[in-house]
Amino acid sequence: MSKQRWFDRNGYELHEGDTIRNIYNGKEELVYACHPDGNPDNETLGINASNEAFLKLHPEWPREIYPFTNFASKLNKNCQPELSFYEKVV
């Protein structure tokens, strides 16, 4: 299994279940595990892309996730992808 490691702008490693905050608008997001290419052996992390009101009305529908690969803007000093406009809520 290949699991991509992700870090916030302060160097904290992110994990499924963590909460992150957008530094520009203050919005907090829960971190989810996802498989954007459909391969269960390639796991990465992301944030919610689903409409919560719709999911409450249709619980049989799966949650959609925006993978962090959509947001990574640079590599940190260890050459790991970094989300430069998110910080982990600790």
PDB file of N, CA and C in Angstrom:
ATOM      1  N   MET A   1       0.842  -1.189   0.000  1.00  0.00           N
ATOM      2  CA  MET A   1       0.000   0.000   0.000  1.00  0.00           C
ATOM      3  C   MET A   1       0.878   1.240   0.000  1.00  0.00           C
ATOM      4  N   SER A   2       0.556   2.173  -0.853  1.00  0.00           N
ATOM      5  CA  SER A   2       1.279   3.429  -0.950  1.00  0.00           C
ATOM      6  C   SER A   2       0.444   4.525  -0.309  1.00  0.00           C
ATOM      7  N   LYS A   3       0.987   5.148   0.717  1.00  0.00           N
ATOM      8  CA  LYS A   3       0.256   6.210   1.405  1.00  0.00           C
ATOM      9  C   LYS A   3       1.078   7.497   1.360  1.00  0.00           C
ATOM     10  N   GLN A   4       0.518   8.525   0.729  1.00  0.00           N
ATOM     11  CA  GLN A   4       1.184   9.819   0.618  1.00  0.00           C
ATOM     12  C   GLN A   4       1.133  10.536   1.955  1.00  0.00           C
ATOM     13  N   ARG A   5       2.258  11.062   2.408  1.00  0.00           N
ATOM     14  CA  ARG A   5       2.305  11.845   3.646  1.00  0.00           C
ATOM     15  C   ARG A   5       2.097  13.312   3.287  1.00  0.00           C
ATOM     16  N   TRP A   6       1.353  14.024   4.149  1.00  0.00           N
ATOM     17  CA  TRP A   6       1.052  15.442   3.925  1.00  0.00           C
ATOM     18  C   TRP A   6       1.387  16.241   5.173  1.00  0.00           C
ATOM     19  N   PHE A   7       1.772  17.508   4.953  1.00  0.00           N
ATOM     20  CA  PHE A   7       2.155  18.392   6.045  1.00  0.00           C
ATOM     21  C   PHE A   7       1.469  19.744   5.869  1.00  0.00           C
ATOM     22  N   ASP A   8       1.169  20.398   7.010  1.00  0.00           N
ATOM     23  CA  ASP A   8       0.572  21.730   6.929  1.00  0.00           C
ATOM     24  C   ASP A   8       1.682  22.765   6.762  1.00  0.00           C
ATOM     25  N   ARG A   9       1.320  24.018   6.739  1.00  0.00           N
ATOM     26  CA  ARG A   9       2.286  25.088   6.493  1.00  0.00           C
ATOM     27  C   ARG A   9       3.310  25.242   7.615  1.00  0.00           C
ATOM     28  N   ASN A  10       3.015  24.678   8.809  1.00  0.00           N
ATOM     29  CA  ASN A  10       3.930  24.767   9.943  1.00  0.00           C
ATOM     30  C   ASN A  10       4.765  23.501  10.123  1.00  0.00           C
ATOM     31  N   GLY A  11       4.619  22.550   9.207  1.00  0.00           N
ATOM     32  CA  GLY A  11       5.416  21.334   9.273  1.00  0.00           C
ATOM     33  C   GLY A  11       4.788  20.188  10.041  1.00  0.00           C
ATOM     34  N   TYR A  12       3.548  20.368  10.525  1.00  0.00           N
ATOM     35  CA  TYR A  12       2.870  19.283  11.232  1.00  0.00           C
ATOM     36  C   TYR A  12       2.337  18.261  10.236  1.00  0.00           C
ATOM     37  N   GLU A  13       2.597  16.985  10.507  1.00  0.00           N
ATOM     38  CA  GLU A  13       2.067  15.945   9.628  1.00  0.00           C
ATOM     39  C   GLU A  13       0.561  15.828   9.845  1.00  0.00           C
ATOM     40  N   LEU A  14      -0.161  15.641   8.754  1.00  0.00           N
ATOM     41  CA  LEU A  14      -1.622  15.523   8.797  1.00  0.00           C
ATOM     42  C   LEU A  14      -2.024  14.062   8.698  1.00  0.00           C
ATOM     43  N   HIS A  15      -3.130  13.726   9.400  1.00  0.00           N
ATOM     44  CA  HIS A  15      -3.651  12.364   9.420  1.00  0.00           C
ATOM     45  C   HIS A  15      -5.169  12.403   9.264  1.00  0.00           C
ATOM     46  N   GLU A  16      -5.724  11.287   8.837  1.00  0.00           N
ATOM     47  CA  GLU A  16      -7.179  11.164   8.751  1.00  0.00           C
ATOM     48  C   GLU A  16      -7.779  11.484  10.119  1.00  0.00           C
ATOM     49  N   GLY A  17      -8.832  12.298  10.131  1.00  0.00           N
ATOM     50  CA  GLY A  17      -9.493  12.680  11.375  1.00  0.00           C
ATOM     51  C   GLY A  17      -9.005  13.989  11.960  1.00  0.00           C
ATOM     52  N   ASP A  18      -7.867  14.523  11.469  1.00  0.00           N
ATOM     53  CA  ASP A  18      -7.378  15.821  11.933  1.00  0.00           C
ATOM     54  C   ASP A  18      -8.302  16.926  11.432  1.00  0.00           C
ATOM     55  N   THR A  19      -8.237  18.061  12.089  1.00  0.00           N
ATOM     56  CA  THR A  19      -8.934  19.261  11.629  1.00  0.00           C
ATOM     57  C   THR A  19      -7.885  20.254  11.173  1.00  0.00           C
ATOM     58  N   ILE A  20      -8.126  20.861   9.994  1.00  0.00           N
ATOM     59  CA  ILE A  20      -7.226  21.884   9.475  1.00  0.00           C
ATOM     60  C   ILE A  20      -8.010  23.176   9.268  1.00  0.00           C
ATOM     61  N   ARG A  21      -7.292  24.316   9.311  1.00  0.00           N
ATOM     62  CA  ARG A  21      -7.914  25.629   9.158  1.00  0.00           C
ATOM     63  C   ARG A  21      -7.282  26.355   7.970  1.00  0.00           C
ATOM     64  N   ASN A  22      -8.137  26.913   7.120  1.00  0.00           N
ATOM     65  CA  ASN A  22      -7.677  27.742   6.019  1.00  0.00           C
ATOM     66  C   ASN A  22      -7.223  29.073   6.609  1.00  0.00           C
ATOM     67  N   ILE A  23      -5.993  29.476   6.348  1.00  0.00           N
ATOM     68  CA  ILE A  23      -5.457  30.687   6.973  1.00  0.00           C
ATOM     69  C   ILE A  23      -6.049  31.968   6.397  1.00  0.00           C
ATOM     70  N   TYR A  24      -6.706  31.888   5.241  1.00  0.00           N
ATOM     71  CA  TYR A  24      -7.272  33.081   4.622  1.00  0.00           C
ATOM     72  C   TYR A  24      -8.707  33.364   5.050  1.00  0.00           C
ATOM     73  N   ASN A  25      -9.511  32.303   5.236  1.00  0.00           N
ATOM     74  CA  ASN A  25     -10.912  32.547   5.599  1.00  0.00           C
ATOM     75  C   ASN A  25     -11.304  31.957   6.947  1.00  0.00           C
ATOM     76  N   GLY A  26     -10.397  31.233   7.608  1.00  0.00           N
ATOM     77  CA  GLY A  26     -10.659  30.680   8.929  1.00  0.00           C
ATOM     78  C   GLY A  26     -11.532  29.431   8.931  1.00  0.00           C
ATOM     79  N   LYS A  27     -11.953  28.978   7.768  1.00  0.00           N
ATOM     80  CA  LYS A  27     -12.823  27.806   7.690  1.00  0.00           C
ATOM     81  C   LYS A  27     -12.055  26.557   8.109  1.00  0.00           C
ATOM     82  N   GLU A  28     -12.686  25.766   8.983  1.00  0.00           N
ATOM     83  CA  GLU A  28     -12.078  24.522   9.426  1.00  0.00           C
ATOM     84  C   GLU A  28     -12.671  23.352   8.659  1.00  0.00           C
ATOM     85  N   GLU A  29     -11.824  22.387   8.340  1.00  0.00           N
ATOM     86  CA  GLU A  29     -12.205  21.214   7.554  1.00  0.00           C
ATOM     87  C   GLU A  29     -11.675  19.962   8.242  1.00  0.00           C
ATOM     88  N   LEU A  30     -12.439  18.886   8.158  1.00  0.00           N
ATOM     89  CA  LEU A  30     -11.999  17.588   8.641  1.00  0.00           C
ATOM     90  C   LEU A  30     -11.193  16.913   7.541  1.00  0.00           C
ATOM     91  N   VAL A  31     -10.123  16.214   7.912  1.00  0.00           N
ATOM     92  CA  VAL A  31      -9.276  15.511   6.956  1.00  0.00           C
ATOM     93  C   VAL A  31      -9.790  14.082   6.790  1.00  0.00           C
ATOM     94  N   TYR A  32      -9.954  13.674   5.536  1.00  0.00           N
ATOM     95  CA  TYR A  32     -10.437  12.330   5.201  1.00  0.00           C
ATOM     96  C   TYR A  32      -9.371  11.576   4.418  1.00  0.00           C
ATOM     97  N   ALA A  33      -9.384  10.248   4.536  1.00  0.00           N
ATOM     98  CA  ALA A  33      -8.570   9.401   3.656  1.00  0.00           C
ATOM     99  C   ALA A  33      -9.365   9.196   2.373  1.00  0.00           C
ATOM    100  N   CYS A  34      -8.671   9.096   1.253  1.00  0.00           N
ATOM    101  CA  CYS A  34      -9.355   8.869  -0.021  1.00  0.00           C
ATOM    102  C   CYS A  34      -8.439   8.133  -0.992  1.00  0.00           C
ATOM    103  N   HIS A  35      -9.033   7.667  -2.061  1.00  0.00           N
ATOM    104  CA  HIS A  35      -8.335   6.939  -3.118  1.00  0.00           C
ATOM    105  C   HIS A  35      -8.733   7.585  -4.450  1.00  0.00           C
ATOM    106  N   PRO A  36      -8.130   8.736  -4.793  1.00  0.00           N
ATOM    107  CA  PRO A  36      -8.601   9.508  -5.946  1.00  0.00           C
ATOM    108  C   PRO A  36      -8.482   8.806  -7.292  1.00  0.00           C
ATOM    109  N   ASP A  37      -7.572   7.857  -7.414  1.00  0.00           N
ATOM    110  CA  ASP A  37      -7.444   7.157  -8.693  1.00  0.00           C
ATOM    111  C   ASP A  37      -8.246   5.857  -8.709  1.00  0.00           C
ATOM    112  N   GLY A  38      -9.001   5.603  -7.625  1.00  0.00           N
ATOM    113  CA  GLY A  38      -9.828   4.401  -7.550  1.00  0.00           C
ATOM    114  C   GLY A  38      -9.068   3.163  -7.119  1.00  0.00           C
ATOM    115  N   ASN A  39      -7.760   3.276  -6.945  1.00  0.00           N
ATOM    116  CA  ASN A  39      -6.937   2.141  -6.534  1.00  0.00           C
ATOM    117  C   ASN A  39      -6.862   2.110  -5.011  1.00  0.00           C
ATOM    118  N   PRO A  40      -7.397   1.064  -4.367  1.00  0.00           N
ATOM    119  CA  PRO A  40      -7.387   1.024  -2.898  1.00  0.00           C
ATOM    120  C   PRO A  40      -5.988   0.943  -2.299  1.00  0.00           C
ATOM    121  N   ASP A  41      -4.987   0.616  -3.119  1.00  0.00           N
ATOM    122  CA  ASP A  41      -3.617   0.565  -2.615  1.00  0.00           C
ATOM    123  C   ASP A  41      -2.943   1.931  -2.596  1.00  0.00           C
ATOM    124  N   ASN A  42      -3.532   2.923  -3.245  1.00  0.00           N
ATOM    125  CA  ASN A  42      -2.976   4.275  -3.279  1.00  0.00           C
ATOM    126  C   ASN A  42      -3.848   5.207  -2.452  1.00  0.00           C
ATOM    127  N   GLU A  43      -3.461   5.375  -1.188  1.00  0.00           N
ATOM    128  CA  GLU A  43      -4.255   6.210  -0.287  1.00  0.00           C
ATOM    129  C   GLU A  43      -3.605   7.570  -0.119  1.00  0.00           C
ATOM    130  N   THR A  44      -4.435   8.592  -0.098  1.00  0.00           N
ATOM    131  CA  THR A  44      -3.971   9.943   0.187  1.00  0.00           C
ATOM    132  C   THR A  44      -5.004  10.597   1.105  1.00  0.00           C
ATOM    133  N   LEU A  45      -4.846  11.872   1.367  1.00  0.00           N
ATOM    134  CA  LEU A  45      -5.768  12.605   2.238  1.00  0.00           C
ATOM    135  C   LEU A  45      -6.449  13.701   1.455  1.00  0.00           C
ATOM    136  N   GLY A  46      -7.571  14.194   1.986  1.00  0.00           N
ATOM    137  CA  GLY A  46      -8.285  15.277   1.348  1.00  0.00           C
ATOM    138  C   GLY A  46      -9.335  15.869   2.272  1.00  0.00           C
ATOM    139  N   ILE A  47     -10.130  16.794   1.723  1.00  0.00           N
ATOM    140  CA  ILE A  47     -11.197  17.438   2.483  1.00  0.00           C
ATOM    141  C   ILE A  47     -12.538  17.208   1.795  1.00  0.00           C
ATOM    142  N   ASN A  48     -13.600  17.439   2.518  1.00  0.00           N
ATOM    143  CA  ASN A  48     -14.960  17.204   2.049  1.00  0.00           C
ATOM    144  C   ASN A  48     -15.288  18.035   0.805  1.00  0.00           C
ATOM    145  N   ALA A  49     -15.894  17.361  -0.173  1.00  0.00           N
ATOM    146  CA  ALA A  49     -16.362  18.048  -1.383  1.00  0.00           C
ATOM    147  C   ALA A  49     -17.870  17.910  -1.529  1.00  0.00           C
ATOM    148  N   SER A  50     -18.509  17.288  -0.541  1.00  0.00           N
ATOM    149  CA  SER A  50     -19.944  17.008  -0.629  1.00  0.00           C
ATOM    150  C   SER A  50     -20.777  18.080   0.047  1.00  0.00           C
ATOM    151  N   ASN A  51     -22.014  18.191  -0.394  1.00  0.00           N
ATOM    152  CA  ASN A  51     -22.995  19.075   0.225  1.00  0.00           C
ATOM    153  C   ASN A  51     -23.599  18.319   1.413  1.00  0.00           C
ATOM    154  N   GLU A  52     -23.371  18.822   2.623  1.00  0.00           N
ATOM    155  CA  GLU A  52     -23.835  18.128   3.830  1.00  0.00           C
ATOM    156  C   GLU A  52     -25.354  17.977   3.874  1.00  0.00           C
ATOM    157  N   ALA A  53     -26.072  18.989   3.437  1.00  0.00           N
ATOM    158  CA  ALA A  53     -27.540  18.903   3.443  1.00  0.00           C
ATOM    159  C   ALA A  53     -28.010  17.785   2.516  1.00  0.00           C
ATOM    160  N   PHE A  54     -27.371  17.651   1.360  1.00  0.00           N
ATOM    161  CA  PHE A  54     -27.725  16.591   0.425  1.00  0.00           C
ATOM    162  C   PHE A  54     -27.433  15.223   1.029  1.00  0.00           C
ATOM    163  N   LEU A  55     -26.276  15.084   1.684  1.00  0.00           N
ATOM    164  CA  LEU A  55     -25.920  13.793   2.284  1.00  0.00           C
ATOM    165  C   LEU A  55     -26.892  13.393   3.388  1.00  0.00           C
ATOM    166  N   LYS A  56     -27.396  14.364   4.136  1.00  0.00           N
ATOM    167  CA  LYS A  56     -28.381  14.048   5.181  1.00  0.00           C
ATOM    168  C   LYS A  56     -29.667  13.519   4.573  1.00  0.00           C
ATOM    169  N   LEU A  57     -30.060  14.058   3.429  1.00  0.00           N
ATOM    170  CA  LEU A  57     -31.274  13.600   2.749  1.00  0.00           C
ATOM    171  C   LEU A  57     -31.057  12.306   1.982  1.00  0.00           C
ATOM    172  N   HIS A  58     -29.818  12.032   1.605  1.00  0.00           N
ATOM    173  CA  HIS A  58     -29.486  10.854   0.797  1.00  0.00           C
ATOM    174  C   HIS A  58     -28.300  10.116   1.425  1.00  0.00           C
ATOM    175  N   PRO A  59     -28.491   9.484   2.575  1.00  0.00           N
ATOM    176  CA  PRO A  59     -27.368   8.845   3.275  1.00  0.00           C
ATOM    177  C   PRO A  59     -26.731   7.689   2.504  1.00  0.00           C
ATOM    178  N   GLU A  60     -27.416   7.179   1.480  1.00  0.00           N
ATOM    179  CA  GLU A  60     -26.848   6.084   0.691  1.00  0.00           C
ATOM    180  C   GLU A  60     -25.774   6.570  -0.289  1.00  0.00           C
ATOM    181  N   TRP A  61     -25.687   7.870  -0.518  1.00  0.00           N
ATOM    182  CA  TRP A  61     -24.692   8.421  -1.438  1.00  0.00           C
ATOM    183  C   TRP A  61     -23.343   8.521  -0.725  1.00  0.00           C
ATOM    184  N   PRO A  62     -22.262   8.231  -1.434  1.00  0.00           N
ATOM    185  CA  PRO A  62     -20.937   8.338  -0.802  1.00  0.00           C
ATOM    186  C   PRO A  62     -20.487   9.794  -0.694  1.00  0.00           C
ATOM    187  N   ARG A  63     -19.668  10.045   0.296  1.00  0.00           N
ATOM    188  CA  ARG A  63     -19.070  11.379   0.452  1.00  0.00           C
ATOM    189  C   ARG A  63     -18.000  11.555  -0.633  1.00  0.00           C
ATOM    190  N   GLU A  64     -17.962  12.720  -1.246  1.00  0.00           N
ATOM    191  CA  GLU A  64     -16.924  13.023  -2.217  1.00  0.00           C
ATOM    192  C   GLU A  64     -15.819  13.822  -1.521  1.00  0.00           C
ATOM    193  N   ILE A  65     -14.596  13.556  -1.924  1.00  0.00           N
ATOM    194  CA  ILE A  65     -13.434  14.181  -1.290  1.00  0.00           C
ATOM    195  C   ILE A  65     -12.590  14.899  -2.343  1.00  0.00           C
ATOM    196  N   TYR A  66     -12.155  16.129  -2.001  1.00  0.00           N
ATOM    197  CA  TYR A  66     -11.145  16.816  -2.807  1.00  0.00           C
ATOM    198  C   TYR A  66      -9.781  16.352  -2.298  1.00  0.00           C
ATOM    199  N   PRO A  67      -9.015  15.605  -3.086  1.00  0.00           N
ATOM    200  CA  PRO A  67      -7.696  15.174  -2.612  1.00  0.00           C
ATOM    201  C   PRO A  67      -6.752  16.369  -2.459  1.00  0.00           C
ATOM    202  N   PHE A  68      -5.842  16.266  -1.492  1.00  0.00           N
ATOM    203  CA  PHE A  68      -4.879  17.341  -1.260  1.00  0.00           C
ATOM    204  C   PHE A  68      -4.005  17.603  -2.478  1.00  0.00           C
ATOM    205  N   THR A  69      -3.889  16.635  -3.381  1.00  0.00           N
ATOM    206  CA  THR A  69      -3.101  16.881  -4.591  1.00  0.00           C
ATOM    207  C   THR A  69      -3.663  18.058  -5.378  1.00  0.00           C
ATOM    208  N   ASN A  70      -4.941  18.386  -5.173  1.00  0.00           N
ATOM    209  CA  ASN A  70      -5.542  19.551  -5.827  1.00  0.00           C
ATOM    210  C   ASN A  70      -5.044  20.868  -5.235  1.00  0.00           C
ATOM    211  N   PHE A  71      -4.475  20.824  -4.016  1.00  0.00           N
ATOM    212  CA  PHE A  71      -4.130  22.045  -3.292  1.00  0.00           C
ATOM    213  C   PHE A  71      -2.644  22.214  -3.002  1.00  0.00           C
ATOM    214  N   ALA A  72      -1.853  21.166  -3.145  1.00  0.00           N
ATOM    215  CA  ALA A  72      -0.433  21.248  -2.772  1.00  0.00           C
ATOM    216  C   ALA A  72       0.250  22.324  -3.596  1.00  0.00           C
ATOM    217  N   SER A  73       0.968  23.192  -2.913  1.00  0.00           N
ATOM    218  CA  SER A  73       1.587  24.301  -3.628  1.00  0.00           C
ATOM    219  C   SER A  73       3.107  24.274  -3.600  1.00  0.00           C
ATOM    220  N   LYS A  74       3.687  23.488  -2.700  1.00  0.00           N
ATOM    221  CA  LYS A  74       5.148  23.426  -2.658  1.00  0.00           C
ATOM    222  C   LYS A  74       5.581  22.198  -1.863  1.00  0.00           C
ATOM    223  N   LEU A  75       6.874  21.932  -1.882  1.00  0.00           N
ATOM    224  CA  LEU A  75       7.445  20.841  -1.098  1.00  0.00           C
ATOM    225  C   LEU A  75       8.138  21.435   0.120  1.00  0.00           C
ATOM    226  N   ASN A  76       8.053  20.740   1.256  1.00  0.00           N
ATOM    227  CA  ASN A  76       8.742  21.225   2.447  1.00  0.00           C
ATOM    228  C   ASN A  76      10.222  20.844   2.381  1.00  0.00           C
ATOM    229  N   LYS A  77      10.965  21.105   3.441  1.00  0.00           N
ATOM    230  CA  LYS A  77      12.412  20.859   3.423  1.00  0.00           C
ATOM    231  C   LYS A  77      12.756  19.380   3.278  1.00  0.00           C
ATOM    232  N   ASN A  78      11.802  18.481   3.561  1.00  0.00           N
ATOM    233  CA  ASN A  78      12.018  17.042   3.409  1.00  0.00           C
ATOM    234  C   ASN A  78      11.454  16.517   2.091  1.00  0.00           C
ATOM    235  N   CYS A  79      11.163  17.439   1.176  1.00  0.00           N
ATOM    236  CA  CYS A  79      10.608  17.107  -0.150  1.00  0.00           C
ATOM    237  C   CYS A  79       9.259  16.401  -0.057  1.00  0.00           C
ATOM    238  N   GLN A  80       8.491  16.710   0.982  1.00  0.00           N
ATOM    239  CA  GLN A  80       7.139  16.202   1.133  1.00  0.00           C
ATOM    240  C   GLN A  80       6.176  17.325   0.745  1.00  0.00           C
ATOM    241  N   PRO A  81       5.017  16.980   0.158  1.00  0.00           N
ATOM    242  CA  PRO A  81       4.077  18.038  -0.227  1.00  0.00           C
ATOM    243  C   PRO A  81       3.526  18.778   0.993  1.00  0.00           C
ATOM    244  N   GLU A  82       3.396  20.082   0.834  1.00  0.00           N
ATOM    245  CA  GLU A  82       2.930  20.936   1.924  1.00  0.00           C
ATOM    246  C   GLU A  82       1.716  21.740   1.464  1.00  0.00           C
ATOM    247  N   LEU A  83       0.736  21.843   2.343  1.00  0.00           N
ATOM    248  CA  LEU A  83      -0.445  22.673   2.082  1.00  0.00           C
ATOM    249  C   LEU A  83      -0.164  24.039   2.688  1.00  0.00           C
ATOM    250  N   SER A  84       0.299  24.980   1.875  1.00  0.00           N
ATOM    251  CA  SER A  84       0.811  26.241   2.403  1.00  0.00           C
ATOM    252  C   SER A  84      -0.256  27.185   2.933  1.00  0.00           C
ATOM    253  N   PHE A  85      -1.535  26.965   2.627  1.00  0.00           N
ATOM    254  CA  PHE A  85      -2.556  27.861   3.166  1.00  0.00           C
ATOM    255  C   PHE A  85      -3.490  27.159   4.150  1.00  0.00           C
ATOM    256  N   TYR A  86      -3.055  25.993   4.666  1.00  0.00           N
ATOM    257  CA  TYR A  86      -3.784  25.298   5.732  1.00  0.00           C
ATOM    258  C   TYR A  86      -2.859  25.055   6.904  1.00  0.00           C
ATOM    259  N   GLU A  87      -3.444  25.120   8.111  1.00  0.00           N
ATOM    260  CA  GLU A  87      -2.681  24.776   9.301  1.00  0.00           C
ATOM    261  C   GLU A  87      -3.506  23.808  10.147  1.00  0.00           C
ATOM    262  N   LYS A  88      -2.803  22.884  10.795  1.00  0.00           N
ATOM    263  CA  LYS A  88      -3.449  21.886  11.630  1.00  0.00           C
ATOM    264  C   LYS A  88      -3.977  22.571  12.891  1.00  0.00           C
ATOM    265  N   VAL A  89      -5.195  22.219  13.271  1.00  0.00           N
ATOM    266  CA  VAL A  89      -5.778  22.727  14.510  1.00  0.00           C
ATOM    267  C   VAL A  89      -5.341  21.765  15.610  1.00  0.00           C
ATOM    268  N   VAL A  90      -4.541  22.267  16.541  1.00  0.00           N
ATOM    269  CA  VAL A  90      -4.016  21.408  17.617  1.00  0.00           C
ATOM    270  C   VAL A  90      -4.557  21.804  18.957  1.00  0.00           C
TER     271      VAL A  90
END
